[in-house]
Amino acid sequence: MYQVHVKTQFAGPDVHIALVKLLKYLEKKYLDAVEVTDEGDYWETEDRARLEKNFDTLTHFIKVVGDALENYQGPMPEDGSPRSLADLIEKILREKLGKGGND
């Protein structure tokens, strides 16, 4: 069993579609039991509009999270442990996303 992970979010929908087409071709011609998890839903639907909407939604949330973390002005955890940092990030995001969720 082999696993491959590919991130196409920053490559755009055209690259994503090309990759799905390639995988479907390889599956049909050479491979058995291919399993694909496609966050853009294109593998299952081949619906470009849906793929573009999913890309836009994910891009929006990446920006919201990036802005929230970049603009944080509060204190950093004193102990500097990974757990304390994870708790702080969770707190920042809950505060940011809790105020309407879709800033």
Protein backbone atom coordinates (compact mmCIF):
# COMPACT_ATOMS: atom_id res chain seq x y z
CA MET A 1 0.00 0.00 0.00
CA TYR A 2 1.32 3.43 -0.95
CA GLN A 3 0.13 6.84 0.14
CA VAL A 4 0.72 10.11 -1.63
CA HIS A 5 -0.34 13.54 -0.45
CA VAL A 6 -0.66 16.50 -2.79
CA LYS A 7 -1.54 20.08 -1.83
CA THR A 8 -3.04 22.06 -4.71
CA GLN A 9 -4.60 24.97 -2.77
CA PHE A 10 -1.93 27.42 -3.87
CA ALA A 11 -1.63 25.99 -7.39
CA GLY A 12 -5.22 26.81 -8.28
CA PRO A 13 -8.22 24.98 -9.72
CA ASP A 14 -6.67 24.33 -13.16
CA VAL A 15 -3.77 22.37 -11.65
CA HIS A 16 -6.16 20.57 -9.31
CA ILE A 17 -8.35 19.50 -12.24
CA ALA A 18 -5.34 18.37 -14.26
CA LEU A 19 -4.11 16.27 -11.33
CA VAL A 20 -7.53 14.65 -10.86
CA LYS A 21 -7.68 13.82 -14.57
CA LEU A 22 -4.20 12.29 -14.40
CA LEU A 23 -5.10 10.20 -11.35
CA LYS A 24 -8.31 8.98 -12.97
CA TYR A 25 -6.39 7.99 -16.10
CA LEU A 26 -3.75 6.14 -14.07
CA GLU A 27 -6.45 4.44 -12.02
CA LYS A 28 -8.26 3.23 -15.13
CA LYS A 29 -5.14 2.08 -16.97
CA TYR A 30 -2.70 0.89 -14.28
CA LEU A 31 -3.99 0.93 -10.71
CA ASP A 32 -6.43 -0.95 -8.51
CA ALA A 33 -8.26 0.33 -5.44
CA VAL A 34 -7.32 3.99 -5.64
CA GLU A 35 -8.75 6.04 -2.80
CA VAL A 36 -8.76 9.82 -3.08
CA THR A 37 -9.76 12.33 -0.44
CA ASP A 38 -10.45 15.54 -2.30
CA GLU A 39 -11.32 18.54 -0.13
CA GLY A 40 -12.37 20.37 -3.29
CA ASP A 41 -14.91 17.63 -4.11
CA TYR A 42 -13.76 17.56 -7.74
CA TRP A 43 -12.77 13.87 -7.71
CA GLU A 44 -16.34 12.91 -6.89
CA THR A 45 -18.31 15.58 -8.78
CA GLU A 46 -16.14 16.97 -11.59
CA ASP A 47 -17.96 20.21 -10.85
CA ARG A 48 -15.61 23.13 -11.55
CA ALA A 49 -17.90 25.73 -9.93
CA ARG A 50 -18.03 23.70 -6.73
CA LEU A 51 -14.24 23.27 -6.78
CA GLU A 52 -13.74 27.02 -7.22
CA LYS A 53 -16.17 27.76 -4.37
CA ASN A 54 -14.30 25.33 -2.11
CA PHE A 55 -10.97 26.91 -3.08
CA ASP A 56 -12.35 30.39 -2.32
CA THR A 57 -13.73 29.29 1.06
CA LEU A 58 -10.48 27.65 2.12
CA THR A 59 -8.43 30.63 0.91
CA HIS A 60 -10.67 32.94 2.93
CA PHE A 61 -10.18 30.94 6.13
CA ILE A 62 -6.42 30.68 5.59
CA LYS A 63 -6.37 34.48 5.33
CA VAL A 64 -8.54 34.94 8.43
CA VAL A 65 -6.33 32.63 10.50
CA GLY A 66 -3.15 34.24 9.18
CA ASP A 67 -4.44 37.73 9.95
CA ALA A 68 -5.59 36.73 13.44
CA LEU A 69 -2.21 35.25 14.34
CA GLU A 70 -0.19 38.00 12.67
CA ASN A 71 -2.11 40.79 14.43
CA TYR A 72 -2.11 39.22 17.91
CA GLN A 73 -0.83 41.81 20.41
CA GLY A 74 -1.23 39.92 23.68
CA PRO A 75 1.32 38.16 25.84
CA MET A 76 3.06 35.01 24.72
CA PRO A 77 3.05 31.92 26.96
CA GLU A 78 5.73 32.23 29.62
CA ASP A 79 6.76 28.58 29.59
CA GLY A 80 7.00 28.45 25.78
CA SER A 81 5.77 24.86 25.70
CA PRO A 82 4.08 23.52 22.57
CA ARG A 83 0.91 22.89 24.62
CA SER A 84 0.81 26.50 25.88
CA LEU A 85 1.35 27.81 22.37
CA ALA A 86 -1.41 25.54 21.01
CA ASP A 87 -3.76 26.77 23.76
CA LEU A 88 -2.96 30.39 22.90
CA ILE A 89 -3.57 29.81 19.18
CA GLU A 90 -6.88 28.14 20.00
CA LYS A 91 -7.86 31.12 22.20
CA ILE A 92 -6.94 33.64 19.48
CA LEU A 93 -8.92 31.77 16.83
CA ARG A 94 -11.95 31.23 19.07
CA GLU A 95 -12.02 34.97 19.77
CA LYS A 96 -11.60 35.86 16.09
CA LEU A 97 -14.00 33.29 14.66
CA GLY A 98 -16.44 33.53 17.54
CA LYS A 99 -17.34 37.07 16.52
CA GLY A 100 -19.48 36.10 13.54
CA GLY A 101 -17.26 33.30 12.25
CA ASN A 102 -16.76 34.60 8.71
CA ASP A 103 -14.73 37.80 9.07
